[in-house]
Every structure is written in structure tokens, then in C-alpha cells.
């Protein structure tokens, strides 16, 4: 079982950048795909980005393509979404989770972290 802890959230102005981290414990991290999701107040949780266990395959939501980049360091058991050109609509609680492949469906993921708040001011 993998346990995940997100960090790096905060307040940033529109157009700014932020890098989140998701630290994992457990020996299976390097064999798991990792996904990032977000949930804004009053909205359903939505897919943001995902990366395969090797880092060789990535998947992005259309809303973040070209602005967000997901990477991972298996030696540190950590996955990083680098977020650039942030918009107020990116404001949400961001969660990471582990899954078998970099799918977009939250139902295929588990080990959800507690989330980290990202607030983008206009």
C-alpha cells in the first residue's frame, strides 16, 4: 500500500508558476502510475495530469496542456507537477493518487493524499 502526501500549494498571482510535490511511502511507488486531480469549491474532482511508472508516458487534461508539466523522481519517491501560466480557474485543492496506468479516470486510482490548496489571484 502506498501512502501519499502532497505539498507546495499556496497563493500565486495569475500568470505565475508553482510546483507541487507528492511524496510517496512504500516500495511499490516506482511500479505505479501517478495522477493529479483537483477539486474546486462546488465542483466535482477533475483530472489534471498523470505519468506512467517509468515517466515515459504522460497524460494531460486539455485545460492544462502546454501549461503544466508532470515529472517524477523514482529515487526520491516523488512526483511533481510544474504549473505555469496559472489562471484563476486553476484554483482548487490538488490531490495525487496512484494507479496502474496514467488514466484520466479517478475511479482507477487509490491511496489519495490529503490535498494541497492552490489559489490563483487575478
C-alpha atoms as a PDB file:
ATOM      1  CA  UNK A   1       0.000   0.000   0.000  1.00  0.00           C
ATOM      2  CA  UNK A   2       1.362   3.400  -0.943  1.00  0.00           C
ATOM      3  CA  UNK A   3       0.741   6.489   1.163  1.00  0.00           C
ATOM      4  CA  UNK A   4       0.872   9.906  -0.443  1.00  0.00           C
ATOM      5  CA  UNK A   5       1.465  13.392   0.922  1.00  0.00           C
ATOM      6  CA  UNK A   6       1.033  16.495  -1.229  1.00  0.00           C
ATOM      7  CA  UNK A   7       2.811  19.786  -0.616  1.00  0.00           C
ATOM      8  CA  UNK A   8       3.762  23.007  -2.362  1.00  0.00           C
ATOM      9  CA  UNK A   9       0.407  24.687  -2.620  1.00  0.00           C
ATOM     10  CA  UNK A  10      -0.109  28.361  -1.919  1.00  0.00           C
ATOM     11  CA  UNK A  11      -1.262  31.706  -3.215  1.00  0.00           C
ATOM     12  CA  UNK A  12       0.071  32.913  -6.557  1.00  0.00           C
ATOM     13  CA  UNK A  13      -0.872  35.667  -8.964  1.00  0.00           C
ATOM     14  CA  UNK A  14      -2.344  34.911 -12.349  1.00  0.00           C
ATOM     15  CA  UNK A  15       0.422  34.186 -14.823  1.00  0.00           C
ATOM     16  CA  UNK A  16       2.681  32.868 -12.114  1.00  0.00           C
ATOM     17  CA  UNK A  17       4.129  29.415 -11.523  1.00  0.00           C
ATOM     18  CA  UNK A  18       4.009  26.859  -8.784  1.00  0.00           C
ATOM     19  CA  UNK A  19       5.484  23.403  -8.328  1.00  0.00           C
ATOM     20  CA  UNK A  20       3.636  20.853  -6.264  1.00  0.00           C
ATOM     21  CA  UNK A  21       5.118  17.692  -4.838  1.00  0.00           C
ATOM     22  CA  UNK A  22       3.672  14.354  -3.949  1.00  0.00           C
ATOM     23  CA  UNK A  23       5.857  12.225  -1.709  1.00  0.00           C
ATOM     24  CA  UNK A  24       5.121   8.539  -1.507  1.00  0.00           C
ATOM     25  CA  UNK A  25       5.993   5.912   1.034  1.00  0.00           C
ATOM     26  CA  UNK A  26       6.016   2.254   0.166  1.00  0.00           C
ATOM     27  CA  UNK A  27       8.124   0.046  -2.006  1.00  0.00           C
ATOM     28  CA  UNK A  28       5.692  -0.104  -4.901  1.00  0.00           C
ATOM     29  CA  UNK A  29       5.937   3.589  -5.897  1.00  0.00           C
ATOM     30  CA  UNK A  30       8.289   3.010  -8.803  1.00  0.00           C
ATOM     31  CA  UNK A  31       5.862   0.486 -10.306  1.00  0.00           C
ATOM     32  CA  UNK A  32       2.821   2.736 -10.122  1.00  0.00           C
ATOM     33  CA  UNK A  33       1.489   5.416 -12.387  1.00  0.00           C
ATOM     34  CA  UNK A  34       0.734   8.660 -10.575  1.00  0.00           C
ATOM     35  CA  UNK A  35      -2.103  11.031 -11.230  1.00  0.00           C
ATOM     36  CA  UNK A  36      -3.022  14.535 -10.148  1.00  0.00           C
ATOM     37  CA  UNK A  37      -6.577  15.682  -9.758  1.00  0.00           C
ATOM     38  CA  UNK A  38      -8.165  18.855  -8.468  1.00  0.00           C
ATOM     39  CA  UNK A  39     -11.419  19.909  -6.918  1.00  0.00           C
ATOM     40  CA  UNK A  40     -12.707  23.456  -6.798  1.00  0.00           C
ATOM     41  CA  UNK A  41     -15.466  24.511  -4.385  1.00  0.00           C
ATOM     42  CA  UNK A  42     -18.831  23.298  -5.578  1.00  0.00           C
ATOM     43  CA  UNK A  43     -17.342  21.273  -8.410  1.00  0.00           C
ATOM     44  CA  UNK A  44     -16.524  17.636  -8.959  1.00  0.00           C
ATOM     45  CA  UNK A  45     -12.985  16.328  -8.790  1.00  0.00           C
ATOM     46  CA  UNK A  46     -11.359  16.546 -12.200  1.00  0.00           C
ATOM     47  CA  UNK A  47      -8.323  15.035 -13.826  1.00  0.00           C
ATOM     48  CA  UNK A  48      -5.249  17.243 -14.255  1.00  0.00           C
ATOM     49  CA  UNK A  49      -2.292  15.100 -15.316  1.00  0.00           C
ATOM     50  CA  UNK A  50      -0.788  11.657 -14.951  1.00  0.00           C
ATOM     51  CA  UNK A  51       2.521   9.938 -15.536  1.00  0.00           C
ATOM     52  CA  UNK A  52       3.452   6.299 -16.067  1.00  0.00           C
ATOM     53  CA  UNK A  53       5.691   4.401 -13.669  1.00  0.00           C
ATOM     54  CA  UNK A  54       8.729   4.966 -15.887  1.00  0.00           C
ATOM     55  CA  UNK A  55       7.930   8.572 -16.696  1.00  0.00           C
ATOM     56  CA  UNK A  56       7.858   7.694 -20.357  1.00  0.00           C
ATOM     57  CA  UNK A  57       4.163   8.328 -20.824  1.00  0.00           C
ATOM     58  CA  UNK A  58       2.164  11.335 -19.684  1.00  0.00           C
ATOM     59  CA  UNK A  59      -1.444  12.395 -19.959  1.00  0.00           C
ATOM     60  CA  UNK A  60      -2.872  15.887 -19.524  1.00  0.00           C
ATOM     61  CA  UNK A  61      -6.289  17.430 -19.321  1.00  0.00           C
ATOM     62  CA  UNK A  62      -6.965  19.784 -22.216  1.00  0.00           C
ATOM     63  CA  UNK A  63      -7.342  22.650 -19.769  1.00  0.00           C
ATOM     64  CA  UNK A  64      -3.715  22.397 -18.629  1.00  0.00           C
ATOM     65  CA  UNK A  65      -1.910  21.223 -21.776  1.00  0.00           C
ATOM     66  CA  UNK A  66       1.008  23.459 -22.573  1.00  0.00           C
ATOM     67  CA  UNK A  67       0.948  24.993 -19.082  1.00  0.00           C
ATOM     68  CA  UNK A  68       1.525  22.075 -16.726  1.00  0.00           C
ATOM     69  CA  UNK A  69       4.316  19.515 -16.855  1.00  0.00           C
ATOM     70  CA  UNK A  70       4.326  16.369 -14.754  1.00  0.00           C
ATOM     71  CA  UNK A  71       7.520  14.536 -13.866  1.00  0.00           C
ATOM     72  CA  UNK A  72       8.705  12.041 -11.308  1.00  0.00           C
ATOM     73  CA  UNK A  73      11.859  11.026  -9.499  1.00  0.00           C
ATOM     74  CA  UNK A  74      11.604   7.383  -8.514  1.00  0.00           C
ATOM     75  CA  UNK A  75      14.817   7.621  -6.478  1.00  0.00           C
ATOM     76  CA  UNK A  76      13.007  10.130  -4.249  1.00  0.00           C
ATOM     77  CA  UNK A  77       9.561   8.532  -4.458  1.00  0.00           C
ATOM     78  CA  UNK A  78       8.185  11.874  -5.567  1.00  0.00           C
ATOM     79  CA  UNK A  79       6.081  13.185  -8.433  1.00  0.00           C
ATOM     80  CA  UNK A  80       5.998  16.849  -9.425  1.00  0.00           C
ATOM     81  CA  UNK A  81       3.505  18.822 -11.417  1.00  0.00           C
ATOM     82  CA  UNK A  82       5.110  22.062 -12.577  1.00  0.00           C
ATOM     83  CA  UNK A  83       2.333  24.569 -13.137  1.00  0.00           C
ATOM     84  CA  UNK A  84       2.934  27.672 -15.226  1.00  0.00           C
ATOM     85  CA  UNK A  85       0.803  30.467 -16.658  1.00  0.00           C
ATOM     86  CA  UNK A  86      -1.640  29.892 -13.840  1.00  0.00           C
ATOM     87  CA  UNK A  87      -5.177  31.189 -14.165  1.00  0.00           C
ATOM     88  CA  UNK A  88      -7.803  31.955 -11.505  1.00  0.00           C
ATOM     89  CA  UNK A  89      -9.749  28.939 -12.754  1.00  0.00           C
ATOM     90  CA  UNK A  90      -6.838  26.734 -11.656  1.00  0.00           C
ATOM     91  CA  UNK A  91      -7.783  27.497  -8.056  1.00  0.00           C
ATOM     92  CA  UNK A  92      -8.597  24.219  -6.328  1.00  0.00           C
ATOM     93  CA  UNK A  93      -7.396  21.614  -3.890  1.00  0.00           C
ATOM     94  CA  UNK A  94      -4.925  19.420  -5.724  1.00  0.00           C
ATOM     95  CA  UNK A  95      -4.661  15.717  -4.948  1.00  0.00           C
ATOM     96  CA  UNK A  96      -2.298  12.994  -6.042  1.00  0.00           C
ATOM     97  CA  UNK A  97      -3.123   9.319  -6.287  1.00  0.00           C
ATOM     98  CA  UNK A  98      -1.593   6.074  -7.514  1.00  0.00           C
ATOM     99  CA  UNK A  99      -2.902   3.860 -10.284  1.00  0.00           C
ATOM    100  CA  UNK A 100      -1.996   1.129 -12.757  1.00  0.00           C
ATOM    101  CA  UNK A 101      -1.556   3.438 -15.766  1.00  0.00           C
ATOM    102  CA  UNK A 102      -1.775   7.197 -16.470  1.00  0.00           C
ATOM    103  CA  UNK A 103      -5.534   7.143 -16.945  1.00  0.00           C
ATOM    104  CA  UNK A 104      -7.786  10.153 -16.577  1.00  0.00           C
ATOM    105  CA  UNK A 105     -10.474   8.409 -14.512  1.00  0.00           C
ATOM    106  CA  UNK A 106     -10.274   8.971 -10.775  1.00  0.00           C
ATOM    107  CA  UNK A 107     -12.027   5.659 -10.193  1.00  0.00           C
ATOM    108  CA  UNK A 108      -8.868   3.820 -11.257  1.00  0.00           C
ATOM    109  CA  UNK A 109      -6.713   5.465  -8.600  1.00  0.00           C
ATOM    110  CA  UNK A 110      -6.175   4.889  -4.913  1.00  0.00           C
ATOM    111  CA  UNK A 111      -4.056   5.957  -1.979  1.00  0.00           C
ATOM    112  CA  UNK A 112      -5.326   9.509  -2.199  1.00  0.00           C
ATOM    113  CA  UNK A 113      -3.379  12.163  -0.322  1.00  0.00           C
ATOM    114  CA  UNK A 114      -4.959  14.879   1.800  1.00  0.00           C
ATOM    115  CA  UNK A 115      -4.609  17.529  -0.885  1.00  0.00           C
ATOM    116  CA  UNK A 116      -2.881  20.890  -1.103  1.00  0.00           C
ATOM    117  CA  UNK A 117      -4.639  24.191  -1.766  1.00  0.00           C
ATOM    118  CA  UNK A 118      -3.688  26.263  -4.785  1.00  0.00           C
ATOM    119  CA  UNK A 119      -5.175  29.729  -5.049  1.00  0.00           C
ATOM    120  CA  UNK A 120      -4.588  31.902  -8.101  1.00  0.00           C
ATOM    121  CA  UNK A 121      -5.497  35.552  -7.719  1.00  0.00           C
ATOM    122  CA  UNK A 122      -6.476  37.722 -10.657  1.00  0.00           C
END
